[in-house]
N, C-alpha and C. Protein backbone atom coordinates (compact mmCIF):
# COMPACT_ATOMS: atom_id res chain seq x y z
N MET A 1 0.82 -1.20 0.00
CA MET A 1 0.00 0.00 0.00
C MET A 1 0.86 1.26 0.00
N LEU A 2 2.00 1.23 0.65
CA LEU A 2 2.85 2.41 0.72
C LEU A 2 3.78 2.53 -0.48
N ARG A 3 3.64 1.67 -1.44
CA ARG A 3 4.48 1.71 -2.64
C ARG A 3 3.68 2.22 -3.84
N LYS A 4 2.89 3.26 -3.64
CA LYS A 4 2.14 3.87 -4.73
C LYS A 4 2.63 5.30 -4.92
N ASP A 5 2.56 5.77 -6.14
CA ASP A 5 2.98 7.13 -6.45
C ASP A 5 1.73 8.00 -6.64
N THR A 6 1.10 8.36 -5.53
CA THR A 6 -0.10 9.20 -5.60
C THR A 6 0.04 10.37 -4.64
N ASN A 7 -0.58 11.48 -5.03
CA ASN A 7 -0.57 12.66 -4.17
C ASN A 7 -1.32 12.39 -2.86
N LEU A 8 -2.40 11.64 -2.94
CA LEU A 8 -3.21 11.37 -1.76
C LEU A 8 -2.41 10.61 -0.69
N LEU A 9 -1.62 9.64 -1.10
CA LEU A 9 -0.79 8.91 -0.14
C LEU A 9 0.20 9.84 0.54
N GLY A 10 0.82 10.72 -0.24
CA GLY A 10 1.77 11.67 0.33
C GLY A 10 1.11 12.63 1.29
N ILE A 11 -0.07 13.10 0.95
CA ILE A 11 -0.79 14.02 1.83
C ILE A 11 -1.19 13.33 3.12
N LEU A 12 -1.69 12.11 3.02
CA LEU A 12 -2.10 11.38 4.23
C LEU A 12 -0.90 11.07 5.12
N MET A 13 0.21 10.66 4.51
CA MET A 13 1.42 10.41 5.31
C MET A 13 1.92 11.70 5.94
N GLY A 14 1.88 12.78 5.19
CA GLY A 14 2.33 14.07 5.70
C GLY A 14 1.49 14.58 6.84
N ILE A 15 0.21 14.24 6.85
CA ILE A 15 -0.68 14.69 7.93
C ILE A 15 -0.50 13.82 9.17
N PHE A 16 -0.55 12.51 9.00
CA PHE A 16 -0.63 11.63 10.16
C PHE A 16 0.71 11.32 10.81
N LEU A 17 1.79 11.30 10.05
CA LEU A 17 3.09 10.97 10.64
C LEU A 17 3.52 11.98 11.70
N PRO A 18 3.43 13.30 11.48
CA PRO A 18 3.79 14.24 12.55
C PRO A 18 2.87 14.18 13.76
N VAL A 19 1.60 13.91 13.52
CA VAL A 19 0.65 13.82 14.65
C VAL A 19 0.98 12.63 15.54
N ILE A 20 1.27 11.50 14.93
CA ILE A 20 1.63 10.31 15.70
C ILE A 20 2.96 10.52 16.43
N PHE A 21 3.93 11.10 15.73
CA PHE A 21 5.23 11.32 16.33
C PHE A 21 5.15 12.34 17.46
N TYR A 22 4.31 13.37 17.32
CA TYR A 22 4.13 14.35 18.39
C TYR A 22 3.54 13.68 19.63
N GLY A 23 2.54 12.84 19.44
CA GLY A 23 1.97 12.12 20.57
C GLY A 23 2.99 11.25 21.27
N PHE A 24 3.83 10.59 20.49
CA PHE A 24 4.90 9.76 21.04
C PHE A 24 5.89 10.59 21.85
N LEU A 25 6.33 11.71 21.30
CA LEU A 25 7.28 12.59 22.01
C LEU A 25 6.65 13.18 23.27
N PHE A 26 5.38 13.54 23.18
CA PHE A 26 4.68 14.11 24.33
C PHE A 26 4.59 13.10 25.47
N LEU A 27 4.27 11.86 25.14
CA LEU A 27 4.19 10.83 26.18
C LEU A 27 5.56 10.53 26.79
N ILE A 28 6.58 10.49 25.97
CA ILE A 28 7.93 10.27 26.50
C ILE A 28 8.33 11.41 27.42
N ASN A 29 8.00 12.64 27.01
CA ASN A 29 8.33 13.81 27.82
C ASN A 29 7.62 13.74 29.18
N LEU A 30 6.34 13.39 29.18
CA LEU A 30 5.61 13.26 30.44
C LEU A 30 6.15 12.12 31.30
N LEU A 31 6.51 11.03 30.67
CA LEU A 31 7.04 9.88 31.40
C LEU A 31 8.36 10.22 32.07
N ILE A 32 9.23 10.89 31.35
CA ILE A 32 10.53 11.27 31.93
C ILE A 32 10.33 12.26 33.08
N LEU A 33 9.41 13.20 32.92
CA LEU A 33 9.17 14.16 34.00
C LEU A 33 8.59 13.50 35.24
N SER A 34 7.71 12.52 35.04
CA SER A 34 7.10 11.87 36.21
C SER A 34 8.07 10.91 36.91
N ILE A 35 8.91 10.25 36.16
CA ILE A 35 9.84 9.30 36.76
C ILE A 35 10.96 10.01 37.52
N PHE A 36 11.57 11.00 36.89
CA PHE A 36 12.73 11.64 37.49
C PHE A 36 12.41 12.92 38.26
N ASP A 37 11.16 13.33 38.24
CA ASP A 37 10.70 14.51 38.98
C ASP A 37 11.57 15.74 38.64
N LEU A 38 11.68 16.01 37.37
CA LEU A 38 12.50 17.12 36.90
C LEU A 38 11.65 18.37 36.71
N ASN A 39 12.28 19.51 36.84
CA ASN A 39 11.60 20.77 36.55
C ASN A 39 11.78 21.19 35.11
N PHE A 40 12.74 20.59 34.43
CA PHE A 40 12.99 20.93 33.03
C PHE A 40 11.99 20.19 32.14
N ILE A 41 11.37 20.91 31.26
CA ILE A 41 10.45 20.31 30.31
C ILE A 41 10.76 20.86 28.93
N ILE A 42 10.66 20.02 27.96
CA ILE A 42 10.83 20.48 26.58
C ILE A 42 9.58 21.25 26.20
N LYS A 43 9.77 22.44 25.66
CA LYS A 43 8.63 23.28 25.32
C LYS A 43 7.79 22.63 24.23
N GLN A 44 6.50 22.94 24.26
CA GLN A 44 5.58 22.39 23.28
C GLN A 44 5.94 22.82 21.86
N SER A 45 6.42 24.05 21.73
CA SER A 45 6.79 24.52 20.40
C SER A 45 7.96 23.72 19.83
N THR A 46 8.88 23.30 20.68
CA THR A 46 10.00 22.48 20.23
C THR A 46 9.53 21.10 19.81
N LEU A 47 8.63 20.51 20.58
CA LEU A 47 8.07 19.22 20.22
C LEU A 47 7.32 19.29 18.89
N GLN A 48 6.58 20.37 18.68
CA GLN A 48 5.83 20.53 17.43
C GLN A 48 6.77 20.65 16.24
N LEU A 49 7.82 21.43 16.39
CA LEU A 49 8.76 21.61 15.29
C LEU A 49 9.50 20.32 14.96
N ILE A 50 9.89 19.56 15.96
CA ILE A 50 10.54 18.26 15.72
C ILE A 50 9.57 17.32 15.01
N SER A 51 8.30 17.37 15.40
CA SER A 51 7.30 16.51 14.77
C SER A 51 7.07 16.88 13.32
N ILE A 52 7.14 18.15 13.01
CA ILE A 52 6.96 18.57 11.61
C ILE A 52 8.13 18.08 10.76
N PHE A 53 9.34 18.21 11.28
CA PHE A 53 10.51 17.84 10.50
C PHE A 53 10.74 16.35 10.39
N ILE A 54 9.95 15.55 11.07
CA ILE A 54 10.07 14.10 10.91
C ILE A 54 9.63 13.70 9.49
N ASN A 55 8.88 14.58 8.82
CA ASN A 55 8.45 14.32 7.44
C ASN A 55 9.60 14.33 6.45
N LEU A 56 10.74 14.87 6.84
CA LEU A 56 11.88 14.91 5.92
C LEU A 56 12.36 13.50 5.55
N PHE A 57 12.29 12.57 6.47
CA PHE A 57 12.79 11.23 6.22
C PHE A 57 11.95 10.46 5.20
N PRO A 58 10.62 10.39 5.36
CA PRO A 58 9.87 9.70 4.30
C PRO A 58 9.85 10.48 2.98
N MET A 59 9.92 11.80 3.05
CA MET A 59 9.94 12.60 1.83
C MET A 59 11.20 12.27 1.03
N ARG A 60 12.34 12.23 1.68
CA ARG A 60 13.59 11.90 1.00
C ARG A 60 13.56 10.47 0.47
N TYR A 61 13.00 9.56 1.25
CA TYR A 61 12.89 8.17 0.82
C TYR A 61 12.09 8.05 -0.47
N TYR A 62 10.95 8.75 -0.53
CA TYR A 62 10.12 8.66 -1.73
C TYR A 62 10.73 9.40 -2.91
N PHE A 63 11.40 10.52 -2.68
CA PHE A 63 12.02 11.25 -3.78
C PHE A 63 13.26 10.54 -4.31
N VAL A 64 14.17 10.14 -3.44
CA VAL A 64 15.48 9.65 -3.86
C VAL A 64 15.48 8.15 -4.11
N LYS A 65 15.02 7.38 -3.15
CA LYS A 65 15.13 5.92 -3.25
C LYS A 65 14.11 5.33 -4.23
N LEU A 66 12.83 5.71 -4.07
CA LEU A 66 11.78 5.10 -4.89
C LEU A 66 11.48 5.89 -6.17
N LYS A 67 11.92 7.14 -6.24
CA LYS A 67 11.65 8.02 -7.38
C LYS A 67 10.15 8.24 -7.59
N TYR A 68 9.40 8.36 -6.47
CA TYR A 68 7.96 8.62 -6.52
C TYR A 68 7.75 10.12 -6.30
N GLU A 69 7.65 10.86 -7.38
CA GLU A 69 7.55 12.31 -7.32
C GLU A 69 6.24 12.78 -6.67
N LYS A 70 5.13 12.17 -7.04
CA LYS A 70 3.83 12.62 -6.54
C LYS A 70 3.71 12.43 -5.02
N THR A 71 4.11 11.29 -4.54
CA THR A 71 4.03 11.03 -3.10
C THR A 71 4.95 11.97 -2.34
N GLY A 72 6.15 12.18 -2.83
CA GLY A 72 7.09 13.10 -2.18
C GLY A 72 6.56 14.53 -2.18
N ARG A 73 5.93 14.94 -3.29
CA ARG A 73 5.36 16.29 -3.34
C ARG A 73 4.19 16.45 -2.39
N GLY A 74 3.40 15.40 -2.20
CA GLY A 74 2.30 15.45 -1.24
C GLY A 74 2.80 15.65 0.18
N ILE A 75 3.86 14.93 0.54
CA ILE A 75 4.45 15.07 1.86
C ILE A 75 5.02 16.49 2.02
N LEU A 76 5.70 16.97 0.98
CA LEU A 76 6.29 18.31 1.02
C LEU A 76 5.22 19.39 1.16
N LEU A 77 4.11 19.23 0.46
CA LEU A 77 3.01 20.20 0.55
C LEU A 77 2.46 20.31 1.96
N VAL A 78 2.21 19.17 2.58
CA VAL A 78 1.68 19.17 3.94
C VAL A 78 2.70 19.73 4.92
N MET A 79 3.97 19.41 4.70
CA MET A 79 5.01 19.93 5.59
C MET A 79 5.07 21.45 5.52
N PHE A 80 4.97 22.02 4.33
CA PHE A 80 4.95 23.47 4.21
C PHE A 80 3.72 24.08 4.88
N MET A 81 2.57 23.42 4.74
CA MET A 81 1.36 23.94 5.40
C MET A 81 1.50 23.90 6.91
N TYR A 82 2.07 22.81 7.45
CA TYR A 82 2.32 22.73 8.88
C TYR A 82 3.27 23.84 9.34
N LEU A 83 4.33 24.07 8.57
CA LEU A 83 5.30 25.10 8.95
C LEU A 83 4.70 26.49 8.91
N ILE A 84 3.90 26.79 7.91
CA ILE A 84 3.24 28.10 7.84
C ILE A 84 2.31 28.27 9.04
N PHE A 85 1.53 27.25 9.34
CA PHE A 85 0.63 27.32 10.49
C PHE A 85 1.42 27.46 11.79
N TYR A 86 2.52 26.73 11.91
CA TYR A 86 3.36 26.80 13.11
C TYR A 86 3.87 28.22 13.35
N PHE A 87 4.41 28.84 12.30
CA PHE A 87 4.97 30.19 12.48
C PHE A 87 3.88 31.25 12.64
N LEU A 88 2.72 31.03 12.06
CA LEU A 88 1.61 31.97 12.27
C LEU A 88 1.12 31.92 13.72
N VAL A 89 1.05 30.74 14.28
CA VAL A 89 0.60 30.59 15.67
C VAL A 89 1.69 31.04 16.63
N LEU A 90 2.94 30.72 16.34
CA LEU A 90 4.04 31.06 17.25
C LEU A 90 4.26 32.57 17.32
N TYR A 91 4.19 33.25 16.19
CA TYR A 91 4.47 34.68 16.15
C TYR A 91 3.19 35.49 15.98
N ASP A 92 2.14 35.06 16.61
CA ASP A 92 0.86 35.77 16.52
C ASP A 92 0.86 37.05 17.28
């Protein structure tokens, strides 16, 4: 299923991969804080930015390794939309 060259697959991967990765990072962050009772916390904006840039890995895989232009462009489109939204909310 992930070996198709369609814009829809790229868009869906671009949307859901950062959301899943953000949830994973958020849970790890909470777990570390509760176990070690630390006052240091990674800011939410940093977690969001790391989650957005996780799209670089599948985007490069689809562009370079598989030569699937449409899927890579779909991931890139969603990543740009996430980044625009991120900076609009951060610098509001």
